[in-house]
C-alpha atoms as a PDB file:
ATOM      1  CA  UNK A   1      62.412 155.633 109.073  1.00  0.00           C
ATOM      2  CA  UNK A   2      64.742 158.253 107.691  1.00  0.00           C
ATOM      3  CA  UNK A   3      67.949 157.303 105.902  1.00  0.00           C
ATOM      4  CA  UNK A   4      71.108 158.835 107.383  1.00  0.00           C
ATOM      5  CA  UNK A   5      74.011 159.771 105.183  1.00  0.00           C
ATOM      6  CA  UNK A   6      77.632 159.111 105.996  1.00  0.00           C
ATOM      7  CA  UNK A   7      77.949 162.770 106.865  1.00  0.00           C
ATOM      8  CA  UNK A   8      75.009 162.499 109.265  1.00  0.00           C
ATOM      9  CA  UNK A   9      76.596 159.506 110.963  1.00  0.00           C
ATOM     10  CA  UNK A  10      80.034 161.218 111.271  1.00  0.00           C
ATOM     11  CA  UNK A  11      78.334 164.254 112.882  1.00  0.00           C
ATOM     12  CA  UNK A  12      77.146 162.004 115.742  1.00  0.00           C
ATOM     13  CA  UNK A  13      79.355 162.009 118.824  1.00  0.00           C
ATOM     14  CA  UNK A  14      81.575 158.935 119.342  1.00  0.00           C
ATOM     15  CA  UNK A  15      79.321 157.626 122.177  1.00  0.00           C
ATOM     16  CA  UNK A  16      76.250 158.001 119.899  1.00  0.00           C
ATOM     17  CA  UNK A  17      77.988 156.151 117.066  1.00  0.00           C
ATOM     18  CA  UNK A  18      78.967 153.335 119.421  1.00  0.00           C
ATOM     19  CA  UNK A  19      75.335 153.037 120.566  1.00  0.00           C
ATOM     20  CA  UNK A  20      74.180 152.959 116.946  1.00  0.00           C
ATOM     21  CA  UNK A  21      76.660 150.185 116.142  1.00  0.00           C
ATOM     22  CA  UNK A  22      75.525 148.281 119.142  1.00  0.00           C
ATOM     23  CA  UNK A  23      71.935 148.589 118.087  1.00  0.00           C
ATOM     24  CA  UNK A  24      72.766 147.422 114.555  1.00  0.00           C
ATOM     25  CA  UNK A  25      74.748 144.501 115.915  1.00  0.00           C
ATOM     26  CA  UNK A  26      71.905 143.480 118.235  1.00  0.00           C
ATOM     27  CA  UNK A  27      69.482 143.541 115.267  1.00  0.00           C
ATOM     28  CA  UNK A  28      71.859 141.242 113.282  1.00  0.00           C
ATOM     29  CA  UNK A  29      72.251 138.898 116.194  1.00  0.00           C
ATOM     30  CA  UNK A  30      68.469 138.493 116.433  1.00  0.00           C
ATOM     31  CA  UNK A  31      68.463 136.978 112.979  1.00  0.00           C
ATOM     32  CA  UNK A  32      71.481 134.569 112.871  1.00  0.00           C
ATOM     33  CA  UNK A  33      69.940 132.566 110.025  1.00  0.00           C
ATOM     34  CA  UNK A  34      70.140 135.666 107.812  1.00  0.00           C
ATOM     35  CA  UNK A  35      73.919 135.536 107.875  1.00  0.00           C
ATOM     36  CA  UNK A  36      75.059 132.727 105.653  1.00  0.00           C
ATOM     37  CA  UNK A  37      78.381 130.999 105.689  1.00  0.00           C
ATOM     38  CA  UNK A  38      80.332 129.914 102.678  1.00  0.00           C
ATOM     39  CA  UNK A  39      81.046 126.167 102.501  1.00  0.00           C
ATOM     40  CA  UNK A  40      84.670 126.948 103.326  1.00  0.00           C
ATOM     41  CA  UNK A  41      83.768 128.979 106.404  1.00  0.00           C
ATOM     42  CA  UNK A  42      81.455 126.175 107.655  1.00  0.00           C
ATOM     43  CA  UNK A  43      84.287 123.594 107.115  1.00  0.00           C
ATOM     44  CA  UNK A  44      86.705 125.753 109.004  1.00  0.00           C
ATOM     45  CA  UNK A  45      84.305 126.236 111.912  1.00  0.00           C
ATOM     46  CA  UNK A  46      83.565 122.479 111.985  1.00  0.00           C
ATOM     47  CA  UNK A  47      87.365 121.793 111.943  1.00  0.00           C
ATOM     48  CA  UNK A  48      87.961 124.156 114.851  1.00  0.00           C
ATOM     49  CA  UNK A  49      85.070 122.705 116.819  1.00  0.00           C
ATOM     50  CA  UNK A  50      86.350 119.127 116.328  1.00  0.00           C
ATOM     51  CA  UNK A  51      89.894 120.276 117.383  1.00  0.00           C
ATOM     52  CA  UNK A  52      88.387 121.737 120.501  1.00  0.00           C
ATOM     53  CA  UNK A  53      86.447 118.547 121.260  1.00  0.00           C
ATOM     54  CA  UNK A  54      89.667 116.538 120.800  1.00  0.00           C
ATOM     55  CA  UNK A  55      91.635 118.712 123.160  1.00  0.00           C
ATOM     56  CA  UNK A  56      89.632 121.377 125.021  1.00  0.00           C
ATOM     57  CA  UNK A  57      92.711 122.476 126.997  1.00  0.00           C
ATOM     58  CA  UNK A  58      94.900 123.224 124.011  1.00  0.00           C
ATOM     59  CA  UNK A  59      93.766 126.821 123.575  1.00  0.00           C
ATOM     60  CA  UNK A  60      94.403 129.857 125.824  1.00  0.00           C
ATOM     61  CA  UNK A  61      91.793 131.654 127.887  1.00  0.00           C
ATOM     62  CA  UNK A  62      90.754 135.107 126.690  1.00  0.00           C
ATOM     63  CA  UNK A  63      92.588 137.044 129.425  1.00  0.00           C
ATOM     64  CA  UNK A  64      95.961 135.384 128.371  1.00  0.00           C
ATOM     65  CA  UNK A  65      95.344 136.018 124.649  1.00  0.00           C
ATOM     66  CA  UNK A  66      94.407 139.682 125.415  1.00  0.00           C
ATOM     67  CA  UNK A  67      97.615 140.135 127.420  1.00  0.00           C
ATOM     68  CA  UNK A  68      99.779 138.701 124.631  1.00  0.00           C
ATOM     69  CA  UNK A  69      98.119 141.099 122.179  1.00  0.00           C
ATOM     70  CA  UNK A  70      98.636 144.056 124.449  1.00  0.00           C
ATOM     71  CA  UNK A  71     102.330 143.280 124.891  1.00  0.00           C
ATOM     72  CA  UNK A  72     102.928 143.329 121.061  1.00  0.00           C
ATOM     73  CA  UNK A  73     102.061 147.059 120.837  1.00  0.00           C
END
């Protein structure tokens, strides 16, 4: 495997860079145990999961959140 420099990467077209990022992300997703959480991150995720279990209807569905974000700009 050859090592690409930042310059090499920036010379790729945008679609090629997107595909590269997707490939990298897929390789990370295949090894979820390799990404460790800090104790604080784990506590926050546990807190959010518990809040969801207590009231699963308290959040907003993604389409509504996306629309709110789009209206801000």
